[in-house]
Structure formats: C-alpha cells, structure tokens
C-alpha cells in the first residue's frame, strides 16, 4: 500500500466530471459523423458512398471503443468517493 497519498473529494469529483465529459464528447462526435455521412448521401448513393459508409462505421466503432473503460474508471472513482464518505463517518 502506498504511503503519503492524499486524495480530496473535489479531485475525485473532478475526475468523475472529466469521465462524463469524455463520454459526452465521444458520443457527440459519433452523432456528428453519422449525420455528416447521412447528409452527404442525399444525392450520392454509388459505390464510393458505400465505401465511405464502411469507413464511417470503422470510425464510429473506434470512437465508441474507449467508452466502457471510461465508464469503469468513473465507477471506480465513485466507489472511492463512497469509501471516503464512509471513512469520514467513522473518523
């Protein structure tokens, strides 16, 4: 166990907010990318549009990939906050 570590509630809460912001921004990027692709297709439905669609889906998958890890990190930080709250009740 590490000694001399000090964690403040505000720092943990800031970490949770960073996680939320990251997830929100990744989800917004996915929406924007899909919308842009759909708008490009309003007059363009050939083989190249289909190829672009596959590229867009790869990009969407890549943007979504870190979300579960970020959610896990956010849960871990929330667990730390809960433990800190319990410890404060004791001491």
PDB file of N, CA and C in Angstrom:
ATOM      1  N   UNK A   1       0.831  -1.168   0.000  1.00  0.00           N
ATOM      2  CA  UNK A   1       0.000   0.000   0.000  1.00  0.00           C
ATOM      3  C   UNK A   1       0.881   1.238   0.000  1.00  0.00           C
ATOM      4  N   UNK A   2       0.516   2.228  -0.758  1.00  0.00           N
ATOM      5  CA  UNK A   2       1.305   3.451  -0.864  1.00  0.00           C
ATOM      6  C   UNK A   2       1.075   4.325   0.362  1.00  0.00           C
ATOM      7  N   UNK A   3       2.142   4.938   0.811  1.00  0.00           N
ATOM      8  CA  UNK A   3       2.000   5.832   1.958  1.00  0.00           C
ATOM      9  C   UNK A   3       2.143   7.271   1.496  1.00  0.00           C
ATOM     10  N   UNK A   4       1.573   8.166   2.268  1.00  0.00           N
ATOM     11  CA  UNK A   4       1.683   9.578   1.947  1.00  0.00           C
ATOM     12  C   UNK A   4       0.777  10.048   0.825  1.00  0.00           C
ATOM     13  N   UNK A   5      -0.230   9.257   0.474  1.00  0.00           N
ATOM     14  CA  UNK A   5      -1.148   9.654  -0.595  1.00  0.00           C
ATOM     15  C   UNK A   5      -2.313  10.404   0.030  1.00  0.00           C
ATOM     16  N   UNK A   6      -2.613  11.531  -0.559  1.00  0.00           N
ATOM     17  CA  UNK A   6      -3.724  12.345  -0.079  1.00  0.00           C
ATOM     18  C   UNK A   6      -4.682  12.584  -1.241  1.00  0.00           C
ATOM     19  N   UNK A   7      -5.939  12.268  -1.005  1.00  0.00           N
ATOM     20  CA  UNK A   7      -6.948  12.448  -2.047  1.00  0.00           C
ATOM     21  C   UNK A   7      -8.055  13.325  -1.483  1.00  0.00           C
ATOM     22  N   UNK A   8      -8.413  14.331  -2.240  1.00  0.00           N
ATOM     23  CA  UNK A   8      -9.510  15.201  -1.823  1.00  0.00           C
ATOM     24  C   UNK A   8     -10.753  14.858  -2.616  1.00  0.00           C
ATOM     25  N   UNK A   9     -11.875  15.017  -1.956  1.00  0.00           N
ATOM     26  CA  UNK A   9     -13.166  14.733  -2.587  1.00  0.00           C
ATOM     27  C   UNK A   9     -13.332  15.545  -3.874  1.00  0.00           C
ATOM     28  N   UNK A  10     -12.948  16.810  -3.839  1.00  0.00           N
ATOM     29  CA  UNK A  10     -13.106  17.669  -5.017  1.00  0.00           C
ATOM     30  C   UNK A  10     -12.314  17.119  -6.206  1.00  0.00           C
ATOM     31  N   UNK A  11     -11.137  16.583  -5.934  1.00  0.00           N
ATOM     32  CA  UNK A  11     -10.340  15.997  -7.009  1.00  0.00           C
ATOM     33  C   UNK A  11     -11.005  14.778  -7.612  1.00  0.00           C
ATOM     34  N   UNK A  12     -11.587  13.954  -6.760  1.00  0.00           N
ATOM     35  CA  UNK A  12     -12.306  12.774  -7.245  1.00  0.00           C
ATOM     36  C   UNK A  12     -13.549  13.172  -8.039  1.00  0.00           C
ATOM     37  N   UNK A  13     -14.273  14.154  -7.526  1.00  0.00           N
ATOM     38  CA  UNK A  13     -15.461  14.627  -8.236  1.00  0.00           C
ATOM     39  C   UNK A  13     -15.081  15.223  -9.597  1.00  0.00           C
ATOM     40  N   UNK A  14     -13.952  15.904  -9.639  1.00  0.00           N
ATOM     41  CA  UNK A  14     -13.473  16.447 -10.913  1.00  0.00           C
ATOM     42  C   UNK A  14     -13.153  15.315 -11.882  1.00  0.00           C
ATOM     43  N   UNK A  15     -12.598  14.223 -11.357  1.00  0.00           N
ATOM     44  CA  UNK A  15     -12.313  13.063 -12.194  1.00  0.00           C
ATOM     45  C   UNK A  15     -13.570  12.458 -12.780  1.00  0.00           C
ATOM     46  N   UNK A  16     -14.612  12.378 -11.980  1.00  0.00           N
ATOM     47  CA  UNK A  16     -15.898  11.869 -12.468  1.00  0.00           C
ATOM     48  C   UNK A  16     -16.425  12.780 -13.578  1.00  0.00           C
ATOM     49  N   UNK A  17     -16.319  14.090 -13.376  1.00  0.00           N
ATOM     50  CA  UNK A  17     -16.799  15.028 -14.389  1.00  0.00           C
ATOM     51  C   UNK A  17     -15.998  14.913 -15.686  1.00  0.00           C
ATOM     52  N   UNK A  18     -14.704  14.701 -15.581  1.00  0.00           N
ATOM     53  CA  UNK A  18     -13.876  14.505 -16.772  1.00  0.00           C
ATOM     54  C   UNK A  18     -14.336  13.263 -17.526  1.00  0.00           C
ATOM     55  N   UNK A  19     -14.628  12.196 -16.805  1.00  0.00           N
ATOM     56  CA  UNK A  19     -15.130  10.975 -17.441  1.00  0.00           C
ATOM     57  C   UNK A  19     -16.445  11.248 -18.169  1.00  0.00           C
ATOM     58  N   UNK A  20     -17.352  11.936 -17.497  1.00  0.00           N
ATOM     59  CA  UNK A  20     -18.648  12.268 -18.129  1.00  0.00           C
ATOM     60  C   UNK A  20     -18.441  13.102 -19.388  1.00  0.00           C
ATOM     61  N   UNK A  21     -17.551  14.086 -19.306  1.00  0.00           N
ATOM     62  CA  UNK A  21     -17.282  14.953 -20.453  1.00  0.00           C
ATOM     63  C   UNK A  21     -16.702  14.158 -21.611  1.00  0.00           C
ATOM     64  N   UNK A  22     -15.779  13.270 -21.312  1.00  0.00           N
ATOM     65  CA  UNK A  22     -15.177  12.435 -22.364  1.00  0.00           C
ATOM     66  C   UNK A  22     -16.243  11.595 -23.067  1.00  0.00           C
ATOM     67  N   UNK A  23     -17.086  10.952 -22.292  1.00  0.00           N
ATOM     68  CA  UNK A  23     -18.140  10.125 -22.878  1.00  0.00           C
ATOM     69  C   UNK A  23     -19.070  10.982 -23.728  1.00  0.00           C
ATOM     70  N   UNK A  24     -19.454  12.132 -23.201  1.00  0.00           N
ATOM     71  CA  UNK A  24     -20.347  13.023 -23.931  1.00  0.00           C
ATOM     72  C   UNK A  24     -19.715  13.470 -25.251  1.00  0.00           C
ATOM     73  N   UNK A  25     -18.452  13.841 -25.219  1.00  0.00           N
ATOM     74  CA  UNK A  25     -17.772  14.315 -26.428  1.00  0.00           C
ATOM     75  C   UNK A  25     -17.615  13.199 -27.457  1.00  0.00           C
ATOM     76  N   UNK A  26     -17.312  11.994 -26.995  1.00  0.00           N
ATOM     77  CA  UNK A  26     -17.205  10.867 -27.922  1.00  0.00           C
ATOM     78  C   UNK A  26     -18.556  10.563 -28.557  1.00  0.00           C
ATOM     79  N   UNK A  27     -19.614  10.592 -27.759  1.00  0.00           N
ATOM     80  CA  UNK A  27     -20.954  10.346 -28.296  1.00  0.00           C
ATOM     81  C   UNK A  27     -21.367  11.442 -29.274  1.00  0.00           C
ATOM     82  N   UNK A  28     -21.003  12.680 -28.983  1.00  0.00           N
ATOM     83  CA  UNK A  28     -21.313  13.791 -29.893  1.00  0.00           C
ATOM     84  C   UNK A  28     -20.552  13.632 -31.206  1.00  0.00           C
ATOM     85  N   UNK A  29     -19.307  13.214 -31.133  1.00  0.00           N
ATOM     86  CA  UNK A  29     -18.518  13.003 -32.348  1.00  0.00           C
ATOM     87  C   UNK A  29     -19.143  11.901 -33.208  1.00  0.00           C
ATOM     88  N   UNK A  30     -19.633  10.851 -32.566  1.00  0.00           N
ATOM     89  CA  UNK A  30     -20.303   9.769 -33.297  1.00  0.00           C
ATOM     90  C   UNK A  30     -21.545  10.306 -33.998  1.00  0.00           C
ATOM     91  N   UNK A  31     -22.356  11.052 -33.266  1.00  0.00           N
ATOM     92  CA  UNK A  31     -23.583  11.621 -33.870  1.00  0.00           C
ATOM     93  C   UNK A  31     -23.248  12.530 -35.046  1.00  0.00           C
ATOM     94  N   UNK A  32     -22.264  13.408 -34.856  1.00  0.00           N
ATOM     95  CA  UNK A  32     -21.889  14.344 -35.921  1.00  0.00           C
ATOM     96  C   UNK A  32     -21.375  13.610 -37.155  1.00  0.00           C
ATOM     97  N   UNK A  33     -20.575  12.596 -36.935  1.00  0.00           N
ATOM     98  CA  UNK A  33     -20.030  11.825 -38.049  1.00  0.00           C
ATOM     99  C   UNK A  33     -21.142  11.118 -38.816  1.00  0.00           C
ATOM    100  N   UNK A  34     -22.055  10.487 -38.083  1.00  0.00           N
ATOM    101  CA  UNK A  34     -23.172   9.803 -38.737  1.00  0.00           C
ATOM    102  C   UNK A  34     -24.074  10.790 -39.479  1.00  0.00           C
ATOM    103  N   UNK A  35     -24.339  11.945 -38.858  1.00  0.00           N
ATOM    104  CA  UNK A  35     -25.170  12.956 -39.508  1.00  0.00           C
ATOM    105  C   UNK A  35     -24.511  13.484 -40.779  1.00  0.00           C
ATOM    106  N   UNK A  36     -23.215  13.730 -40.703  1.00  0.00           N
ATOM    107  CA  UNK A  36     -22.490  14.225 -41.878  1.00  0.00           C
ATOM    108  C   UNK A  36     -22.535  13.206 -43.011  1.00  0.00           C
ATOM    109  N   UNK A  37     -22.372  11.951 -42.659  1.00  0.00           N
ATOM    110  CA  UNK A  37     -22.432  10.896 -43.670  1.00  0.00           C
ATOM    111  C   UNK A  37     -23.831  10.826 -44.288  1.00  0.00           C
ATOM    112  N   UNK A  38     -24.850  10.893 -43.445  1.00  0.00           N
ATOM    113  CA  UNK A  38     -26.225  10.838 -43.950  1.00  0.00           C
ATOM    114  C   UNK A  38     -26.514  12.029 -44.855  1.00  0.00           C
ATOM    115  N   UNK A  39     -26.050  13.207 -44.462  1.00  0.00           N
ATOM    116  CA  UNK A  39     -26.276  14.404 -45.281  1.00  0.00           C
ATOM    117  C   UNK A  39     -25.525  14.324 -46.600  1.00  0.00           C
ATOM    118  N   UNK A  40     -24.354  13.730 -46.600  1.00  0.00           N
ATOM    119  CA  UNK A  40     -23.591  13.580 -47.846  1.00  0.00           C
ATOM    120  C   UNK A  40     -24.315  12.647 -48.799  1.00  0.00           C
ATOM    121  N   UNK A  41     -25.081  11.735 -48.248  1.00  0.00           N
ATOM    122  CA  UNK A  41     -25.772  10.752 -49.072  1.00  0.00           C
ATOM    123  C   UNK A  41     -27.047  11.243 -49.704  1.00  0.00           C
ATOM    124  N   UNK A  42     -27.412  12.490 -49.457  1.00  0.00           N
ATOM    125  CA  UNK A  42     -28.675  12.986 -50.012  1.00  0.00           C
ATOM    126  C   UNK A  42     -28.691  12.958 -51.536  1.00  0.00           C
ATOM    127  N   UNK A  43     -27.530  12.998 -52.166  1.00  0.00           N
ATOM    128  CA  UNK A  43     -27.513  12.925 -53.624  1.00  0.00           C
ATOM    129  C   UNK A  43     -26.392  12.035 -54.120  1.00  0.00           C
ATOM    130  N   UNK A  44     -25.891  11.184 -53.245  1.00  0.00           N
ATOM    131  CA  UNK A  44     -24.691  10.418 -53.580  1.00  0.00           C
ATOM    132  C   UNK A  44     -24.841   8.999 -53.064  1.00  0.00           C
ATOM    133  N   UNK A  45     -25.303   8.101 -53.917  1.00  0.00           N
ATOM    134  CA  UNK A  45     -25.526   6.716 -53.494  1.00  0.00           C
ATOM    135  C   UNK A  45     -24.858   5.743 -54.470  1.00  0.00           C
ATOM    136  N   UNK A  46     -23.565   5.861 -54.619  1.00  0.00           N
ATOM    137  CA  UNK A  46     -22.841   4.963 -55.505  1.00  0.00           C
ATOM    138  C   UNK A  46     -21.875   4.096 -54.698  1.00  0.00           C
ATOM    139  N   UNK A  47     -20.983   3.436 -55.383  1.00  0.00           N
ATOM    140  CA  UNK A  47     -20.016   2.551 -54.731  1.00  0.00           C
ATOM    141  C   UNK A  47     -19.109   3.305 -53.767  1.00  0.00           C
ATOM    142  N   UNK A  48     -18.726   4.519 -54.139  1.00  0.00           N
ATOM    143  CA  UNK A  48     -17.859   5.313 -53.259  1.00  0.00           C
ATOM    144  C   UNK A  48     -18.575   5.714 -51.970  1.00  0.00           C
ATOM    145  N   UNK A  49     -19.867   5.981 -52.065  1.00  0.00           N
ATOM    146  CA  UNK A  49     -20.643   6.306 -50.873  1.00  0.00           C
ATOM    147  C   UNK A  49     -20.689   5.095 -49.937  1.00  0.00           C
ATOM    148  N   UNK A  50     -20.838   3.921 -50.518  1.00  0.00           N
ATOM    149  CA  UNK A  50     -20.848   2.693 -49.713  1.00  0.00           C
ATOM    150  C   UNK A  50     -19.488   2.478 -49.051  1.00  0.00           C
ATOM    151  N   UNK A  51     -18.407   2.729 -49.782  1.00  0.00           N
ATOM    152  CA  UNK A  51     -17.066   2.610 -49.199  1.00  0.00           C
ATOM    153  C   UNK A  51     -16.895   3.594 -48.048  1.00  0.00           C
ATOM    154  N   UNK A  52     -17.356   4.815 -48.257  1.00  0.00           N
ATOM    155  CA  UNK A  52     -17.283   5.824 -47.208  1.00  0.00           C
ATOM    156  C   UNK A  52     -18.081   5.366 -45.985  1.00  0.00           C
ATOM    157  N   UNK A  53     -19.215   4.738 -46.226  1.00  0.00           N
ATOM    158  CA  UNK A  53     -20.039   4.229 -45.130  1.00  0.00           C
ATOM    159  C   UNK A  53     -19.286   3.218 -44.276  1.00  0.00           C
ATOM    160  N   UNK A  54     -18.522   2.350 -44.917  1.00  0.00           N
ATOM    161  CA  UNK A  54     -17.729   1.371 -44.161  1.00  0.00           C
ATOM    162  C   UNK A  54     -16.645   2.074 -43.341  1.00  0.00           C
ATOM    163  N   UNK A  55     -16.042   3.094 -43.919  1.00  0.00           N
ATOM    164  CA  UNK A  55     -15.022   3.863 -43.194  1.00  0.00           C
ATOM    165  C   UNK A  55     -15.649   4.585 -42.010  1.00  0.00           C
ATOM    166  N   UNK A  56     -16.812   5.166 -42.231  1.00  0.00           N
ATOM    167  CA  UNK A  56     -17.522   5.858 -41.154  1.00  0.00           C
ATOM    168  C   UNK A  56     -17.836   4.882 -40.023  1.00  0.00           C
ATOM    169  N   UNK A  57     -18.286   3.685 -40.358  1.00  0.00           N
ATOM    170  CA  UNK A  57     -18.596   2.691 -39.320  1.00  0.00           C
ATOM    171  C   UNK A  57     -17.347   2.278 -38.545  1.00  0.00           C
ATOM    172  N   UNK A  58     -16.215   2.179 -39.235  1.00  0.00           N
ATOM    173  CA  UNK A  58     -14.961   1.878 -38.535  1.00  0.00           C
ATOM    174  C   UNK A  58     -14.613   3.014 -37.569  1.00  0.00           C
ATOM    175  N   UNK A  59     -14.800   4.236 -38.027  1.00  0.00           N
ATOM    176  CA  UNK A  59     -14.532   5.391 -37.166  1.00  0.00           C
ATOM    177  C   UNK A  59     -15.475   5.419 -35.968  1.00  0.00           C
ATOM    178  N   UNK A  60     -16.733   5.127 -36.207  1.00  0.00           N
ATOM    179  CA  UNK A  60     -17.721   5.092 -35.125  1.00  0.00           C
ATOM    180  C   UNK A  60     -17.329   4.035 -34.100  1.00  0.00           C
ATOM    181  N   UNK A  61     -16.928   2.864 -34.567  1.00  0.00           N
ATOM    182  CA  UNK A  61     -16.501   1.807 -33.647  1.00  0.00           C
ATOM    183  C   UNK A  61     -15.293   2.243 -32.838  1.00  0.00           C
ATOM    184  N   UNK A  62     -14.342   2.908 -33.494  1.00  0.00           N
ATOM    185  CA  UNK A  62     -13.144   3.376 -32.794  1.00  0.00           C
ATOM    186  C   UNK A  62     -13.493   4.440 -31.759  1.00  0.00           C
ATOM    187  N   UNK A  63     -14.444   5.314 -32.073  1.00  0.00           N
ATOM    188  CA  UNK A  63     -14.854   6.345 -31.119  1.00  0.00           C
ATOM    189  C   UNK A  63     -15.588   5.753 -29.925  1.00  0.00           C
ATOM    190  N   UNK A  64     -16.343   4.686 -30.153  1.00  0.00           N
ATOM    191  CA  UNK A  64     -17.105   4.059 -29.078  1.00  0.00           C
ATOM    192  C   UNK A  64     -16.244   3.133 -28.210  1.00  0.00           C
ATOM    193  N   UNK A  65     -15.129   2.662 -28.744  1.00  0.00           N
ATOM    194  CA  UNK A  65     -14.316   1.650 -28.059  1.00  0.00           C
ATOM    195  C   UNK A  65     -13.884   2.039 -26.643  1.00  0.00           C
ATOM    196  N   UNK A  66     -13.445   3.282 -26.386  1.00  0.00           N
ATOM    197  CA  UNK A  66     -12.976   3.596 -25.033  1.00  0.00           C
ATOM    198  C   UNK A  66     -14.089   3.837 -24.012  1.00  0.00           C
ATOM    199  N   UNK A  67     -15.324   3.960 -24.448  1.00  0.00           N
ATOM    200  CA  UNK A  67     -16.413   4.315 -23.537  1.00  0.00           C
ATOM    201  C   UNK A  67     -16.565   3.321 -22.378  1.00  0.00           C
ATOM    202  N   UNK A  68     -16.561   2.007 -22.613  1.00  0.00           N
ATOM    203  CA  UNK A  68     -16.691   1.088 -21.466  1.00  0.00           C
ATOM    204  C   UNK A  68     -15.568   1.257 -20.441  1.00  0.00           C
ATOM    205  N   UNK A  69     -14.348   1.488 -20.905  1.00  0.00           N
ATOM    206  CA  UNK A  69     -13.235   1.693 -19.975  1.00  0.00           C
ATOM    207  C   UNK A  69     -13.401   2.988 -19.185  1.00  0.00           C
ATOM    208  N   UNK A  70     -13.889   4.014 -19.849  1.00  0.00           N
ATOM    209  CA  UNK A  70     -14.124   5.290 -19.160  1.00  0.00           C
ATOM    210  C   UNK A  70     -15.230   5.113 -18.124  1.00  0.00           C
ATOM    211  N   UNK A  71     -16.282   4.375 -18.484  1.00  0.00           N
ATOM    212  CA  UNK A  71     -17.367   4.112 -17.528  1.00  0.00           C
ATOM    213  C   UNK A  71     -16.859   3.323 -16.320  1.00  0.00           C
ATOM    214  N   UNK A  72     -15.984   2.365 -16.565  1.00  0.00           N
ATOM    215  CA  UNK A  72     -15.397   1.595 -15.464  1.00  0.00           C
ATOM    216  C   UNK A  72     -14.563   2.499 -14.566  1.00  0.00           C
ATOM    217  N   UNK A  73     -13.788   3.380 -15.178  1.00  0.00           N
ATOM    218  CA  UNK A  73     -12.983   4.324 -14.396  1.00  0.00           C
ATOM    219  C   UNK A  73     -13.878   5.237 -13.562  1.00  0.00           C
ATOM    220  N   UNK A  74     -14.957   5.696 -14.164  1.00  0.00           N
ATOM    221  CA  UNK A  74     -15.878   6.568 -13.450  1.00  0.00           C
ATOM    222  C   UNK A  74     -16.503   5.831 -12.263  1.00  0.00           C
ATOM    223  N   UNK A  75     -16.849   4.570 -12.455  1.00  0.00           N
ATOM    224  CA  UNK A  75     -17.412   3.775 -11.360  1.00  0.00           C
ATOM    225  C   UNK A  75     -16.384   3.597 -10.244  1.00  0.00           C
ATOM    226  N   UNK A  76     -15.134   3.368 -10.617  1.00  0.00           N
ATOM    227  CA  UNK A  76     -14.069   3.209  -9.624  1.00  0.00           C
ATOM    228  C   UNK A  76     -13.901   4.491  -8.813  1.00  0.00           C
ATOM    229  N   UNK A  77     -13.928   5.617  -9.485  1.00  0.00           N
ATOM    230  CA  UNK A  77     -13.798   6.897  -8.778  1.00  0.00           C
ATOM    231  C   UNK A  77     -14.994   7.114  -7.860  1.00  0.00           C
ATOM    232  N   UNK A  78     -16.188   6.788  -8.336  1.00  0.00           N
ATOM    233  CA  UNK A  78     -17.384   6.904  -7.486  1.00  0.00           C
ATOM    234  C   UNK A  78     -17.284   5.982  -6.272  1.00  0.00           C
ATOM    235  N   UNK A  79     -16.727   4.790  -6.473  1.00  0.00           N
ATOM    236  CA  UNK A  79     -16.510   3.873  -5.348  1.00  0.00           C
ATOM    237  C   UNK A  79     -15.541   4.496  -4.343  1.00  0.00           C
ATOM    238  N   UNK A  80     -14.503   5.142  -4.839  1.00  0.00           N
ATOM    239  CA  UNK A  80     -13.541   5.805  -3.959  1.00  0.00           C
ATOM    240  C   UNK A  80     -14.216   6.922  -3.156  1.00  0.00           C
ATOM    241  N   UNK A  81     -15.090   7.659  -3.797  1.00  0.00           N
ATOM    242  CA  UNK A  81     -15.821   8.725  -3.098  1.00  0.00           C
ATOM    243  C   UNK A  81     -16.695   8.113  -2.006  1.00  0.00           C
ATOM    244  N   UNK A  82     -17.373   7.021  -2.326  1.00  0.00           N
ATOM    245  CA  UNK A  82     -18.232   6.365  -1.351  1.00  0.00           C
ATOM    246  C   UNK A  82     -17.409   5.851  -0.158  1.00  0.00           C
ATOM    247  N   UNK A  83     -16.256   5.267  -0.434  1.00  0.00           N
ATOM    248  CA  UNK A  83     -15.373   4.789   0.636  1.00  0.00           C
ATOM    249  C   UNK A  83     -14.887   5.956   1.482  1.00  0.00           C
ATOM    250  N   UNK A  84     -14.545   7.056   0.831  1.00  0.00           N
ATOM    251  CA  UNK A  84     -14.096   8.240   1.552  1.00  0.00           C
ATOM    252  C   UNK A  84     -15.203   8.758   2.466  1.00  0.00           C
ATOM    253  N   UNK A  85     -16.435   8.774   1.945  1.00  0.00           N
ATOM    254  CA  UNK A  85     -17.571   9.228   2.753  1.00  0.00           C
ATOM    255  C   UNK A  85     -17.777   8.325   3.967  1.00  0.00           C
ATOM    256  N   UNK A  86     -17.646   7.017   3.763  1.00  0.00           N
ATOM    257  CA  UNK A  86     -17.805   6.062   4.863  1.00  0.00           C
ATOM    258  C   UNK A  86     -16.698   6.266   5.897  1.00  0.00           C
ATOM    259  N   UNK A  87     -15.483   6.492   5.441  1.00  0.00           N
ATOM    260  CA  UNK A  87     -14.358   6.696   6.360  1.00  0.00           C
ATOM    261  C   UNK A  87     -14.551   7.975   7.166  1.00  0.00           C
ATOM    262  N   UNK A  88     -15.086   9.018   6.529  1.00  0.00           N
ATOM    263  CA  UNK A  88     -15.318  10.278   7.237  1.00  0.00           C
ATOM    264  C   UNK A  88     -16.368  10.106   8.327  1.00  0.00           C
ATOM    265  N   UNK A  89     -17.348   9.227   8.100  1.00  0.00           N
ATOM    266  CA  UNK A  89     -18.373   8.970   9.113  1.00  0.00           C
ATOM    267  C   UNK A  89     -17.758   8.293  10.340  1.00  0.00           C
ATOM    268  N   UNK A  90     -16.758   7.451  10.103  1.00  0.00           N
ATOM    269  CA  UNK A  90     -16.117   6.719  11.185  1.00  0.00           C
ATOM    270  C   UNK A  90     -15.191   7.624  11.975  1.00  0.00           C
ATOM    271  N   UNK A  91     -14.425   8.443  11.260  1.00  0.00           N
ATOM    272  CA  UNK A  91     -13.420   9.283  11.909  1.00  0.00           C
ATOM    273  C   UNK A  91     -14.014  10.654  12.122  1.00  0.00           C
TER     274      UNK A  91
END
